[in-house]
PDB file of all heavy atoms in Angstrom:
ATOM      1  N   VAL A   1     250.017 -32.364 104.966  1.00  0.00           N
ATOM      2  CA  VAL A   1     248.643 -32.703 105.052  1.00  0.00           C
ATOM      3  C   VAL A   1     248.488 -34.114 104.366  1.00  0.00           C
ATOM      4  O   VAL A   1     248.996 -34.360 103.309  1.00  0.00           O
ATOM      5  CB  VAL A   1     247.771 -31.705 104.279  1.00  0.00           C
ATOM      6  CG1 VAL A   1     246.228 -32.218 104.187  1.00  0.00           C
ATOM      7  CG2 VAL A   1     247.793 -30.377 105.011  1.00  0.00           C
ATOM      8  N   LEU A   2     247.811 -34.985 105.003  1.00  0.00           N
ATOM      9  CA  LEU A   2     247.442 -36.293 104.567  1.00  0.00           C
ATOM     10  C   LEU A   2     246.068 -36.439 104.207  1.00  0.00           C
ATOM     11  O   LEU A   2     245.211 -36.261 104.998  1.00  0.00           O
ATOM     12  CB  LEU A   2     247.898 -37.358 105.624  1.00  0.00           C
ATOM     13  CG  LEU A   2     247.699 -38.824 105.283  1.00  0.00           C
ATOM     14  CD1 LEU A   2     248.508 -39.285 104.124  1.00  0.00           C
ATOM     15  CD2 LEU A   2     247.912 -39.681 106.523  1.00  0.00           C
ATOM     16  N   GLY A   3     245.742 -36.825 102.955  1.00  0.00           N
ATOM     17  CA  GLY A   3     244.354 -37.040 102.521  1.00  0.00           C
ATOM     18  C   GLY A   3     244.030 -38.463 102.453  1.00  0.00           C
ATOM     19  O   GLY A   3     244.815 -39.351 102.308  1.00  0.00           O
ATOM     20  N   ALA A   4     242.750 -38.746 102.480  1.00  0.00           N
ATOM     21  CA  ALA A   4     242.172 -40.123 102.282  1.00  0.00           C
ATOM     22  C   ALA A   4     242.300 -40.476 100.830  1.00  0.00           C
ATOM     23  O   ALA A   4     242.479 -39.620 100.002  1.00  0.00           O
ATOM     24  CB  ALA A   4     240.834 -40.208 102.875  1.00  0.00           C
ATOM     25  N   SER A   5     242.172 -41.788 100.633  1.00  0.00           N
ATOM     26  CA  SER A   5     242.091 -42.377  99.202  1.00  0.00           C
ATOM     27  C   SER A   5     243.480 -42.397  98.576  1.00  0.00           C
ATOM     28  O   SER A   5     244.516 -42.379  99.220  1.00  0.00           O
ATOM     29  CB  SER A   5     241.136 -41.628  98.392  1.00  0.00           C
ATOM     30  OG  SER A   5     240.755 -42.293  97.216  1.00  0.00           O
ATOM     31  N   GLY A   6     243.445 -42.533  97.275  1.00  0.00           N
ATOM     32  CA  GLY A   6     244.750 -42.922  96.499  1.00  0.00           C
ATOM     33  C   GLY A   6     245.358 -41.735  95.740  1.00  0.00           C
ATOM     34  O   GLY A   6     245.073 -40.529  95.999  1.00  0.00           O
ATOM     35  N   HIS A   7     246.215 -42.150  94.828  1.00  0.00           N
ATOM     36  CA  HIS A   7     247.158 -41.198  94.162  1.00  0.00           C
ATOM     37  C   HIS A   7     246.273 -40.087  93.418  1.00  0.00           C
ATOM     38  O   HIS A   7     246.719 -38.936  93.438  1.00  0.00           O
ATOM     39  CB  HIS A   7     247.970 -41.919  93.191  1.00  0.00           C
ATOM     40  CG  HIS A   7     249.036 -41.149  92.533  1.00  0.00           C
ATOM     41  ND1 HIS A   7     250.177 -40.701  93.205  1.00  0.00           N
ATOM     42  CD2 HIS A   7     249.184 -40.634  91.294  1.00  0.00           C
ATOM     43  CE1 HIS A   7     250.970 -39.992  92.429  1.00  0.00           C
ATOM     44  NE2 HIS A   7     250.477 -39.984  91.250  1.00  0.00           N
ATOM     45  N   ILE A   8     245.257 -40.445  92.795  1.00  0.00           N
ATOM     46  CA  ILE A   8     244.442 -39.401  92.010  1.00  0.00           C
ATOM     47  C   ILE A   8     243.292 -39.020  92.788  1.00  0.00           C
ATOM     48  O   ILE A   8     243.014 -37.760  92.995  1.00  0.00           O
ATOM     49  CB  ILE A   8     244.062 -39.980  90.664  1.00  0.00           C
ATOM     50  CG1 ILE A   8     245.367 -40.375  89.788  1.00  0.00           C
ATOM     51  CG2 ILE A   8     243.089 -39.076  89.925  1.00  0.00           C
ATOM     52  CD1 ILE A   8     246.162 -39.092  89.474  1.00  0.00           C
ATOM     53  N   ALA A   9     242.501 -40.016  93.300  1.00  0.00           N
ATOM     54  CA  ALA A   9     241.218 -39.648  93.939  1.00  0.00           C
ATOM     55  C   ALA A   9     241.426 -38.777  95.213  1.00  0.00           C
ATOM     56  O   ALA A   9     240.615 -38.010  95.585  1.00  0.00           O
ATOM     57  CB  ALA A   9     240.422 -40.941  94.289  1.00  0.00           C
ATOM     58  N   GLY A  10     242.571 -38.976  95.918  1.00  0.00           N
ATOM     59  CA  GLY A  10     242.862 -38.195  97.039  1.00  0.00           C
ATOM     60  C   GLY A  10     243.166 -36.702  96.715  1.00  0.00           C
ATOM     61  O   GLY A  10     242.752 -35.826  97.439  1.00  0.00           O
ATOM     62  N   VAL A  11     243.778 -36.509  95.644  1.00  0.00           N
ATOM     63  CA  VAL A  11     244.180 -35.134  95.176  1.00  0.00           C
ATOM     64  C   VAL A  11     242.927 -34.446  94.546  1.00  0.00           C
ATOM     65  O   VAL A  11     242.626 -33.333  94.946  1.00  0.00           O
ATOM     66  CB  VAL A  11     245.288 -35.217  94.102  1.00  0.00           C
ATOM     67  CG1 VAL A  11     245.424 -33.810  93.500  1.00  0.00           C
ATOM     68  CG2 VAL A  11     246.554 -35.672  94.700  1.00  0.00           C
ATOM     69  N   ILE A  12     242.200 -35.181  93.661  1.00  0.00           N
ATOM     70  CA  ILE A  12     241.013 -34.555  93.083  1.00  0.00           C
ATOM     71  C   ILE A  12     239.768 -34.767  93.915  1.00  0.00           C
ATOM     72  O   ILE A  12     239.027 -35.744  93.738  1.00  0.00           O
ATOM     73  CB  ILE A  12     240.886 -35.128  91.604  1.00  0.00           C
ATOM     74  CG1 ILE A  12     242.137 -34.990  90.878  1.00  0.00           C
ATOM     75  CG2 ILE A  12     239.730 -34.349  90.956  1.00  0.00           C
ATOM     76  CD1 ILE A  12     242.625 -33.546  90.707  1.00  0.00           C
ATOM     77  N   ASN A  13     239.631 -33.959  94.929  1.00  0.00           N
ATOM     78  CA  ASN A  13     238.607 -34.094  95.957  1.00  0.00           C
ATOM     79  C   ASN A  13     237.930 -32.781  96.179  1.00  0.00           C
ATOM     80  O   ASN A  13     238.154 -32.111  97.201  1.00  0.00           O
ATOM     81  CB  ASN A  13     239.131 -34.705  97.303  1.00  0.00           C
ATOM     82  CG  ASN A  13     238.136 -35.013  98.185  1.00  0.00           C
ATOM     83  OD1 ASN A  13     236.888 -35.228  97.895  1.00  0.00           O
ATOM     84  ND2 ASN A  13     238.445 -34.977  99.532  1.00  0.00           N
ATOM     85  N   PRO A  14     237.010 -32.291  95.292  1.00  0.00           N
ATOM     86  CA  PRO A  14     236.470 -31.011  95.430  1.00  0.00           C
ATOM     87  C   PRO A  14     235.641 -30.860  96.704  1.00  0.00           C
ATOM     88  O   PRO A  14     234.908 -31.771  97.062  1.00  0.00           O
ATOM     89  CB  PRO A  14     235.636 -30.808  94.159  1.00  0.00           C
ATOM     90  CG  PRO A  14     235.364 -32.202  93.715  1.00  0.00           C
ATOM     91  CD  PRO A  14     236.597 -32.909  94.102  1.00  0.00           C
ATOM     92  N   PRO A  15     235.643 -29.678  97.345  1.00  0.00           N
ATOM     93  CA  PRO A  15     234.882 -29.466  98.515  1.00  0.00           C
ATOM     94  C   PRO A  15     233.356 -29.648  98.477  1.00  0.00           C
ATOM     95  O   PRO A  15     232.747 -30.203  99.409  1.00  0.00           O
ATOM     96  CB  PRO A  15     235.223 -27.994  98.948  1.00  0.00           C
ATOM     97  CG  PRO A  15     236.523 -27.739  98.198  1.00  0.00           C
ATOM     98  CD  PRO A  15     236.468 -28.526  96.958  1.00  0.00           C
ATOM     99  N   ALA A  16     232.788 -29.306  97.268  1.00  0.00           N
ATOM    100  CA  ALA A  16     231.339 -29.405  97.168  1.00  0.00           C
ATOM    101  C   ALA A  16     230.829 -30.845  97.283  1.00  0.00           C
ATOM    102  O   ALA A  16     229.695 -31.106  97.699  1.00  0.00           O
ATOM    103  CB  ALA A  16     230.950 -28.812  95.842  1.00  0.00           C
ATOM    104  N   LYS A  17     231.727 -31.807  97.019  1.00  0.00           N
ATOM    105  CA  LYS A  17     231.269 -33.171  97.100  1.00  0.00           C
ATOM    106  C   LYS A  17     231.140 -33.654  98.544  1.00  0.00           C
ATOM    107  O   LYS A  17     230.510 -34.674  98.820  1.00  0.00           O
ATOM    108  CB  LYS A  17     232.296 -34.081  96.314  1.00  0.00           C
ATOM    109  CG  LYS A  17     232.407 -33.813  94.870  1.00  0.00           C
ATOM    110  CD  LYS A  17     231.305 -34.313  94.114  1.00  0.00           C
ATOM    111  CE  LYS A  17     231.457 -34.213  92.664  1.00  0.00           C
ATOM    112  NZ  LYS A  17     230.372 -34.708  91.788  1.00  0.00           N
ATOM    113  N   LYS A  18     231.847 -32.980  99.481  1.00  0.00           N
ATOM    114  CA  LYS A  18     231.809 -33.354 100.841  1.00  0.00           C
ATOM    115  C   LYS A  18     232.072 -34.786 101.104  1.00  0.00           C
ATOM    116  O   LYS A  18     231.446 -35.516 101.848  1.00  0.00           O
ATOM    117  CB  LYS A  18     230.434 -32.959 101.460  1.00  0.00           C
ATOM    118  CG  LYS A  18     230.104 -31.481 101.434  1.00  0.00           C
ATOM    119  CD  LYS A  18     228.781 -31.163 102.054  1.00  0.00           C
ATOM    120  CE  LYS A  18     228.587 -29.690 102.030  1.00  0.00           C
ATOM    121  NZ  LYS A  18     227.184 -29.344 102.584  1.00  0.00           N
ATOM    122  N   ARG A  19     233.261 -35.195 100.466  1.00  0.00           N
ATOM    123  CA  ARG A  19     233.686 -36.588 100.536  1.00  0.00           C
ATOM    124  C   ARG A  19     235.001 -36.695 101.208  1.00  0.00           C
ATOM    125  O   ARG A  19     235.791 -35.841 101.255  1.00  0.00           O
ATOM    126  CB  ARG A  19     233.668 -37.201  99.137  1.00  0.00           C
ATOM    127  CG  ARG A  19     232.353 -37.306  98.433  1.00  0.00           C
ATOM    128  CD  ARG A  19     232.555 -37.868  97.079  1.00  0.00           C
ATOM    129  NE  ARG A  19     233.109 -39.283  97.055  1.00  0.00           N
ATOM    130  CZ  ARG A  19     233.493 -39.865  95.958  1.00  0.00           C
ATOM    131  NH1 ARG A  19     233.438 -39.232  94.790  1.00  0.00           N
ATOM    132  NH2 ARG A  19     233.953 -41.090  96.068  1.00  0.00           N
ATOM    133  N   ARG A  20     235.295 -37.913 101.660  1.00  0.00           N
ATOM    134  CA  ARG A  20     236.580 -38.270 102.188  1.00  0.00           C
ATOM    135  C   ARG A  20     236.902 -37.381 103.422  1.00  0.00           C
ATOM    136  O   ARG A  20     236.099 -36.826 104.113  1.00  0.00           O
ATOM    137  CB  ARG A  20     237.668 -38.247 101.117  1.00  0.00           C
ATOM    138  CG  ARG A  20     237.308 -39.121  99.928  1.00  0.00           C
ATOM    139  CD  ARG A  20     238.456 -39.257  98.958  1.00  0.00           C
ATOM    140  NE  ARG A  20     237.987 -40.112  97.850  1.00  0.00           N
ATOM    141  CZ  ARG A  20     237.551 -39.578  96.630  1.00  0.00           C
ATOM    142  NH1 ARG A  20     237.588 -38.270  96.501  1.00  0.00           N
ATOM    143  NH2 ARG A  20     237.176 -40.416  95.679  1.00  0.00           N
ATOM    144  N   SER A  21     238.290 -37.402 103.706  1.00  0.00           N
ATOM    145  CA  SER A  21     238.761 -36.606 104.837  1.00  0.00           C
ATOM    146  C   SER A  21     240.253 -36.374 104.718  1.00  0.00           C
ATOM    147  O   SER A  21     240.833 -36.879 103.740  1.00  0.00           O
ATOM    148  CB  SER A  21     238.433 -37.360 106.155  1.00  0.00           C
ATOM    149  OG  SER A  21     239.141 -38.665 106.118  1.00  0.00           O
ATOM    150  N   TYR A  22     240.815 -35.651 105.580  1.00  0.00           N
ATOM    151  CA  TYR A  22     242.251 -35.408 105.577  1.00  0.00           C
ATOM    152  C   TYR A  22     242.727 -35.195 107.041  1.00  0.00           C
ATOM    153  O   TYR A  22     241.965 -34.968 107.960  1.00  0.00           O
ATOM    154  CB  TYR A  22     242.655 -34.188 104.725  1.00  0.00           C
ATOM    155  CG  TYR A  22     242.028 -32.842 105.173  1.00  0.00           C
ATOM    156  CD1 TYR A  22     242.817 -31.929 105.867  1.00  0.00           C
ATOM    157  CD2 TYR A  22     240.687 -32.560 104.883  1.00  0.00           C
ATOM    158  CE1 TYR A  22     242.269 -30.742 106.282  1.00  0.00           C
ATOM    159  CE2 TYR A  22     240.166 -31.309 105.330  1.00  0.00           C
ATOM    160  CZ  TYR A  22     240.976 -30.459 106.017  1.00  0.00           C
ATOM    161  OH  TYR A  22     240.481 -29.235 106.409  1.00  0.00           O
ATOM    162  N   TRP A  23     244.041 -35.328 107.260  1.00  0.00           N
ATOM    163  CA  TRP A  23     244.608 -35.169 108.566  1.00  0.00           C
ATOM    164  C   TRP A  23     245.583 -34.044 108.553  1.00  0.00           C
ATOM    165  O   TRP A  23     246.410 -33.860 107.631  1.00  0.00           O
ATOM    166  CB  TRP A  23     245.337 -36.480 108.946  1.00  0.00           C
ATOM    167  CG  TRP A  23     244.439 -37.648 109.215  1.00  0.00           C
ATOM    168  CD1 TRP A  23     244.046 -38.086 110.502  1.00  0.00           C
ATOM    169  CD2 TRP A  23     243.901 -38.520 108.256  1.00  0.00           C
ATOM    170  NE1 TRP A  23     243.193 -39.207 110.292  1.00  0.00           N
ATOM    171  CE2 TRP A  23     243.097 -39.490 108.892  1.00  0.00           C
ATOM    172  CE3 TRP A  23     243.925 -38.626 106.864  1.00  0.00           C
ATOM    173  CZ2 TRP A  23     242.350 -40.419 108.337  1.00  0.00           C
ATOM    174  CZ3 TRP A  23     243.181 -39.566 106.234  1.00  0.00           C
ATOM    175  CH2 TRP A  23     242.398 -40.467 106.934  1.00  0.00           C
ATOM    176  N   THR A  24     245.587 -33.244 109.617  1.00  0.00           N
ATOM    177  CA  THR A  24     246.467 -32.124 109.781  1.00  0.00           C
ATOM    178  C   THR A  24     246.985 -31.870 111.122  1.00  0.00           C
ATOM    179  O   THR A  24     246.478 -32.472 112.101  1.00  0.00           O
ATOM    180  CB  THR A  24     245.802 -30.793 109.321  1.00  0.00           C
ATOM    181  OG1 THR A  24     244.724 -30.480 110.202  1.00  0.00           O
ATOM    182  CG2 THR A  24     245.247 -30.786 107.873  1.00  0.00           C
TER     183      THR A  24
END
């Protein structure tokens, strides 16, 4: 799975924020 953003912000991306995206 590939997430948007960087080393930390990409990992710490809680669902409730409804931010960023990911590729699967």
